[in-house]
Structures are given as C-alpha cells and as structure tokens.
Amino acid sequence: MQLHKNKILIFSAVYIASLIVISSLFGMWHNMQLKNATKDYLLFLLLLVILILIVSSLFITLFNKYRKEIEEKEALERIKASAEEQQSPELTLQEEKVKETFDKDAFISGILPSSKKSAAEYCEEVLQKLAAKMEIVQGLFYLKSKESDAFEPVSLYAYYSDKTPPVFKIGESLPGQTVKDKRVVVIQNIPENYVPVVSGLGSSKPKTLVMIPVTSENEPVGLIEIAVFTTVDHEVEPALKELGAIIGKNIIKLIKQNAG
C-alpha cells in the first residue's frame, strides 16, 4: 500500500511540474505575441506542441503501466485471500479417502517421460501426461532463460489464445512468486478472467489453477502452470512438489547432454 502512495505522489509531482513548465511557456508565448515577433512565435508554437505531445505520451505510458500493476496486485491479493479461506486444518471425508488410496510413487512415475529427448520435448510430454492424469484443460511449461533471469514458455497444452504467454521473473506476479517461494500453489475457484481457457469445449472457465515450481538442487529451473475443471485434493500437493524437483533435475541433465 505504501508503494502505491509513493507512486501516486511521484506521479502527481511530475504532473504539477509539467503544468508549471507549460504555463511558463505560455507566458513566454504571450510576451512574444505582444512584441509581434512572428518568426519566433511560430518556432515557439511548434516547440510547444511537440512538448505537449511528449508530456502527454509520457503520462499515458506511465498511467497504463501503473494501472496494470494495480490490477495484477489486486488480482494477486484476491487469489491469496481466496486460497487462505480454502485452507482448513480438518480433512473432509473425501480427502481422508484420497489419503488412504493415493499412491504418490505411482502418480509421479506415471507422469515422468521415459525416453531421453530435448528439454522442450521433455516438457511437452510432461504436460501431455499431466493432462491424462489430472484431466487438465490447459497447461504451460516455463523454463528459465540461459541469457537472463526471465522465465519463458517452452511448451503449451491446449493454449489457443492469440497472445503469447507473458514472460516473468522471480517474484513478479503470481508465477514469479511461486518460483521464489518454491512451493506448490493450488487455487480453487479462480477469479473471473484470470485464466481464460479455450479448448475443444469452447470458451470455459476452469475451476482450479495449479502452479508447480520446477527445481534442481533447490535452484529454480522452471514452472508448470495448469488449469483444471475439477478440484485438486490436498494429498496430491506434496507429490506435485516432489515431481517438480525430479523434473528439474532431469531437464538440467538433458540440457547438459545436448550441450555436450
């Protein structure tokens, strides 16, 4: 909240300073007009128009950027609040049943690709097997770029949007925070318009969003983001975290092998 106040103060100060400068220029223009300095007046008027266009463009850019940051922060706060409300110390009868029957090792082995291939192909097969295991309707697999700290999408599952999934860095937005915290995030009842999903069923709103940090030796490697129409039981979350660690190690091995 304090960060928002600081940005508003800075934005207001720049705006007021710009108004003062423009007012001064108008005063100079008025004096020139009184002196009938036609040539200087036309030159000054041109410079004034250019200045106004530059200042207006700057304000519009800053405003749009700030508005986007506010919207992302508000969405993240709503998601966190929703996730906290959903946490309960008591297991339901359905969760108790899942706990008794869930086989973590079988779940993990059923998702891991068996054959050696490139990192991109490996990521694609992981999403395909997750789709079969968890009935996902959309999936994204991000890997950390070699050239920078950005995480870029390398594999997509049932992603039919015209827009490319956004690149993010550690700590930025919900995906970046998930990578930073190195913990699985499961969000039931996704806020409207947070993850638009378009599949063979048409335009649909998934019920659950799952983000799985992919790590190797406790270092971030990537992120798996999947949208599911059904709920995800709490018993599955530790298996997903372990899965992310295994996948991360395998990807690092493949990258080293292909580099050699």
Protein backbone atom coordinates (compact mmCIF):
# COMPACT_ATOMS: atom_id res chain seq x y z
CA MET A 1 0.00 0.00 0.00
CA GLN A 2 2.87 2.39 0.85
CA LEU A 3 4.40 1.65 -2.56
CA HIS A 4 1.19 2.75 -4.25
CA LYS A 5 1.15 6.00 -2.22
CA ASN A 6 4.74 6.75 -3.24
CA LYS A 7 3.94 6.19 -6.90
CA ILE A 8 0.90 8.46 -6.67
CA LEU A 9 3.00 11.21 -5.05
CA ILE A 10 5.71 10.92 -7.70
CA PHE A 11 3.16 10.87 -10.50
CA SER A 12 1.40 13.93 -9.06
CA ALA A 13 4.68 15.83 -8.59
CA VAL A 14 5.73 15.19 -12.19
CA TYR A 15 2.31 16.24 -13.41
CA ILE A 16 2.34 19.50 -11.41
CA ALA A 17 5.90 20.29 -12.53
CA SER A 18 4.87 19.77 -16.14
CA LEU A 19 1.92 22.11 -15.70
CA ILE A 20 4.21 24.78 -14.28
CA VAL A 21 6.63 24.44 -17.19
CA ILE A 22 3.84 24.58 -19.76
CA SER A 23 2.30 27.59 -18.02
CA SER A 24 5.66 29.38 -18.15
CA LEU A 25 5.97 28.61 -21.84
CA PHE A 26 2.51 30.02 -22.47
CA GLY A 27 3.59 33.18 -20.67
CA MET A 28 6.64 33.47 -22.89
CA TRP A 29 4.45 32.92 -25.93
CA HIS A 30 2.12 35.68 -24.83
CA ASN A 31 5.04 38.11 -24.47
CA MET A 32 6.30 37.20 -27.94
CA GLN A 33 2.87 37.79 -29.39
CA LEU A 34 2.76 41.24 -27.83
CA LYS A 35 6.10 42.10 -29.41
CA ASN A 36 4.89 40.88 -32.81
CA ALA A 37 7.84 38.50 -33.06
CA THR A 38 6.12 36.42 -35.73
CA LYS A 39 9.05 34.19 -36.67
CA ASP A 40 9.98 33.42 -33.08
CA TYR A 41 6.33 32.94 -32.26
CA LEU A 42 5.84 30.24 -34.91
CA LEU A 43 9.00 28.42 -33.84
CA PHE A 44 8.00 28.59 -30.22
CA LEU A 45 4.49 27.37 -31.02
CA LEU A 46 5.94 24.34 -32.83
CA LEU A 47 8.20 23.52 -29.91
CA LEU A 48 5.30 23.92 -27.52
CA VAL A 49 3.13 21.49 -29.49
CA ILE A 50 5.98 18.95 -29.54
CA LEU A 51 6.47 19.34 -25.81
CA ILE A 52 2.79 18.82 -25.09
CA LEU A 53 2.77 15.66 -27.24
CA ILE A 54 5.84 14.27 -25.44
CA VAL A 55 4.44 15.02 -21.99
CA SER A 56 1.04 13.56 -22.90
CA SER A 57 2.65 10.40 -24.28
CA LEU A 58 4.73 10.02 -21.13
CA PHE A 59 1.71 10.41 -18.86
CA ILE A 60 -0.33 7.89 -20.86
CA THR A 61 2.52 5.36 -20.76
CA LEU A 62 3.05 5.76 -17.02
CA PHE A 63 -0.66 5.63 -16.30
CA ASN A 64 -1.17 2.41 -18.30
CA LYS A 65 1.84 0.77 -16.66
CA TYR A 66 0.72 1.77 -13.19
CA ARG A 67 -2.86 0.66 -13.85
CA LYS A 68 -1.60 -2.76 -14.99
CA GLU A 69 0.49 -3.11 -11.83
CA ILE A 70 -2.51 -2.21 -9.68
CA GLU A 71 -4.75 -4.73 -11.46
CA GLU A 72 -2.14 -7.50 -11.10
CA LYS A 73 -1.63 -6.71 -7.42
CA GLU A 74 -5.36 -6.66 -6.70
CA ALA A 75 -5.82 -9.96 -8.55
CA LEU A 76 -2.95 -11.49 -6.57
CA GLU A 77 -4.41 -10.25 -3.28
CA ARG A 78 -7.82 -11.70 -4.17
CA ILE A 79 -6.19 -15.01 -5.07
CA LYS A 80 -4.22 -15.14 -1.82
CA ALA A 81 -7.31 -14.30 0.22
CA SER A 82 -9.27 -16.98 -1.59
CA ALA A 83 -6.51 -19.54 -1.01
CA GLU A 84 -6.36 -18.71 2.73
CA GLU A 85 -10.11 -19.11 3.07
CA GLN A 86 -9.93 -22.51 1.43
CA GLN A 87 -7.28 -23.84 3.83
CA SER A 88 -8.77 -25.92 6.60
CA PRO A 89 -6.98 -27.94 9.32
CA GLU A 90 -9.63 -30.61 9.16
CA LEU A 91 -9.74 -33.10 6.31
CA THR A 92 -13.09 -33.88 4.75
CA LEU A 93 -14.27 -37.47 4.38
CA GLN A 94 -13.40 -37.31 0.68
CA GLU A 95 -9.85 -36.13 1.46
CA GLU A 96 -9.44 -38.89 4.04
CA LYS A 97 -10.45 -41.40 1.40
CA VAL A 98 -7.97 -39.95 -1.08
CA LYS A 99 -5.24 -40.05 1.56
CA GLU A 100 -5.80 -43.76 2.08
CA THR A 101 -5.86 -44.66 -1.60
CA PHE A 102 -3.42 -42.17 -3.19
CA ASP A 103 -0.18 -43.77 -4.39
CA LYS A 104 2.38 -40.97 -4.66
CA ASP A 105 5.10 -43.04 -6.31
CA ALA A 106 2.74 -44.39 -8.95
CA PHE A 107 1.43 -40.89 -9.58
CA ILE A 108 4.92 -39.47 -10.13
CA SER A 109 6.22 -42.34 -12.26
CA GLY A 110 3.12 -42.11 -14.43
CA ILE A 111 3.96 -38.52 -15.38
CA LEU A 112 7.74 -38.70 -15.88
CA PRO A 113 8.75 -39.25 -19.54
CA SER A 114 10.70 -42.47 -20.03
CA SER A 115 12.78 -41.70 -23.13
CA LYS A 116 15.64 -39.22 -23.40
CA LYS A 117 15.00 -36.23 -25.64
CA SER A 118 15.45 -32.47 -25.83
CA ALA A 119 14.33 -30.28 -22.93
CA ALA A 120 11.46 -28.82 -24.97
CA GLU A 121 10.18 -32.26 -25.98
CA TYR A 122 10.52 -33.45 -22.39
CA CYS A 123 8.42 -30.52 -21.15
CA GLU A 124 5.79 -31.18 -23.80
CA GLU A 125 5.47 -34.83 -22.78
CA VAL A 126 5.18 -33.84 -19.12
CA LEU A 127 2.19 -31.65 -19.94
CA GLN A 128 0.62 -34.44 -22.01
CA LYS A 129 0.96 -36.94 -19.16
CA LEU A 130 -0.33 -34.42 -16.63
CA ALA A 131 -3.34 -33.93 -18.89
CA ALA A 132 -4.05 -37.65 -18.79
CA LYS A 133 -3.52 -37.94 -15.02
CA MET A 134 -5.25 -34.81 -13.83
CA GLU A 135 -7.62 -34.09 -16.74
CA ILE A 136 -6.17 -30.63 -17.27
CA VAL A 137 -7.73 -28.33 -19.86
CA GLN A 138 -4.78 -26.00 -20.30
CA GLY A 139 -1.09 -26.15 -19.46
CA LEU A 140 2.02 -24.00 -19.69
CA PHE A 141 5.62 -25.04 -19.05
CA TYR A 142 8.16 -22.28 -18.41
CA LEU A 143 11.94 -22.66 -18.30
CA LYS A 144 14.47 -20.16 -17.05
CA SER A 145 16.31 -18.45 -19.89
CA LYS A 146 20.07 -19.02 -20.25
CA GLU A 147 20.66 -15.39 -21.21
CA SER A 148 18.63 -13.73 -18.45
CA ASP A 149 16.63 -14.30 -15.26
CA ALA A 150 13.37 -14.40 -17.21
CA PHE A 151 11.16 -17.49 -17.39
CA GLU A 152 9.90 -18.17 -20.90
CA PRO A 153 7.18 -20.57 -22.13
CA VAL A 154 8.69 -23.57 -23.93
CA SER A 155 5.67 -25.85 -24.14
CA LEU A 156 1.91 -25.25 -24.31
CA TYR A 157 -1.03 -27.60 -23.91
CA ALA A 158 -4.45 -26.64 -25.31
CA TYR A 159 -3.44 -23.00 -25.38
CA TYR A 160 -5.36 -21.34 -28.20
CA SER A 161 -5.05 -17.68 -27.27
CA ASP A 162 -3.74 -15.24 -29.87
CA LYS A 163 -1.44 -13.76 -27.22
CA THR A 164 1.82 -15.45 -26.25
CA PRO A 165 2.00 -16.29 -22.52
CA PRO A 166 3.85 -13.48 -20.73
CA VAL A 167 7.48 -13.82 -19.67
CA PHE A 168 8.09 -13.26 -15.95
CA LYS A 169 10.93 -13.00 -13.46
CA ILE A 170 11.32 -14.36 -9.94
CA GLY A 171 8.99 -12.54 -7.57
CA GLU A 172 6.92 -10.95 -10.35
CA SER A 173 3.18 -11.70 -10.32
CA LEU A 174 1.82 -15.00 -9.01
CA PRO A 175 4.00 -17.29 -11.20
CA GLY A 176 7.15 -15.41 -10.18
CA GLN A 177 6.18 -15.56 -6.51
CA THR A 178 5.57 -19.30 -6.80
CA VAL A 179 9.06 -19.80 -8.23
CA LYS A 180 10.54 -17.66 -5.46
CA ASP A 181 8.72 -19.50 -2.65
CA LYS A 182 9.44 -22.94 -4.18
CA ARG A 183 6.06 -24.25 -3.13
CA VAL A 184 3.09 -25.65 -4.99
CA VAL A 185 0.18 -23.23 -5.28
CA VAL A 186 -3.33 -24.61 -5.68
CA ILE A 187 -6.11 -22.06 -6.14
CA GLN A 188 -9.70 -23.22 -6.16
CA ASN A 189 -12.41 -21.02 -7.68
CA ILE A 190 -10.15 -18.96 -9.94
CA PRO A 191 -11.10 -15.26 -10.14
CA GLU A 192 -13.04 -14.43 -13.29
CA ASN A 193 -10.91 -13.62 -16.35
CA TYR A 194 -7.68 -14.60 -14.55
CA VAL A 195 -7.04 -17.61 -16.78
CA PRO A 196 -9.20 -17.65 -19.92
CA VAL A 197 -9.28 -21.18 -21.30
CA VAL A 198 -10.35 -22.01 -24.84
CA SER A 199 -10.43 -25.71 -25.72
CA GLY A 200 -12.49 -28.09 -27.78
CA LEU A 201 -15.35 -27.47 -25.35
CA GLY A 202 -15.40 -23.80 -26.27
CA SER A 203 -14.61 -20.84 -24.06
CA SER A 204 -14.66 -22.13 -20.49
CA LYS A 205 -13.63 -21.10 -17.01
CA PRO A 206 -11.53 -23.69 -15.15
CA LYS A 207 -12.25 -24.34 -11.50
CA THR A 208 -8.69 -24.79 -10.24
CA LEU A 209 -5.30 -23.32 -11.05
CA VAL A 210 -2.16 -25.24 -10.09
CA MET A 211 1.39 -23.87 -10.20
CA ILE A 212 4.28 -26.29 -9.72
CA PRO A 213 7.81 -24.92 -9.21
CA VAL A 214 10.42 -26.89 -11.13
CA THR A 215 13.71 -27.01 -9.24
CA SER A 216 17.11 -28.71 -9.26
CA GLU A 217 19.25 -28.74 -6.12
CA ASN A 218 16.78 -26.23 -4.66
CA GLU A 219 17.51 -23.79 -7.51
CA PRO A 220 14.69 -22.59 -9.81
CA VAL A 221 14.58 -24.22 -13.24
CA GLY A 222 11.06 -23.53 -14.41
CA LEU A 223 7.36 -23.55 -13.64
CA ILE A 224 4.40 -25.69 -14.64
CA GLU A 225 1.04 -23.94 -14.70
CA ILE A 226 -2.10 -25.99 -15.31
CA ALA A 227 -5.81 -25.21 -15.25
CA VAL A 228 -8.27 -27.92 -14.20
CA PHE A 229 -12.05 -28.12 -14.27
CA THR A 230 -12.15 -30.24 -11.09
CA THR A 231 -10.75 -29.68 -7.61
CA VAL A 232 -7.30 -30.89 -6.59
CA ASP A 233 -7.04 -32.80 -3.32
CA HIS A 234 -4.50 -31.59 -0.73
CA GLU A 235 -2.91 -35.03 -0.68
CA VAL A 236 -1.67 -34.50 -4.23
CA GLU A 237 0.25 -31.30 -3.45
CA PRO A 238 3.35 -32.94 -1.84
CA ALA A 239 3.55 -35.31 -4.81
CA LEU A 240 3.46 -32.34 -7.20
CA LYS A 241 6.31 -30.65 -5.32
CA GLU A 242 8.41 -33.80 -5.46
CA LEU A 243 7.51 -34.19 -9.12
CA GLY A 244 8.76 -30.66 -9.82
CA ALA A 245 12.12 -31.45 -8.20
CA ILE A 246 12.57 -34.65 -10.22
CA ILE A 247 11.56 -32.96 -13.46
CA GLY A 248 14.01 -30.12 -12.75
CA LYS A 249 16.95 -32.49 -12.29
CA ASN A 250 16.06 -34.39 -15.46
CA ILE A 251 15.82 -31.18 -17.50
CA ILE A 252 19.23 -29.99 -16.29
CA LYS A 253 20.71 -33.37 -17.31
CA LEU A 254 19.14 -33.14 -20.75
CA ILE A 255 20.41 -29.58 -21.26
CA LYS A 256 23.95 -30.65 -20.30
CA GLN A 257 23.80 -33.72 -22.54
CA ASN A 258 22.56 -31.76 -25.54
CA ALA A 259 25.17 -29.05 -24.92
CA GLY A 260 27.91 -31.67 -24.94
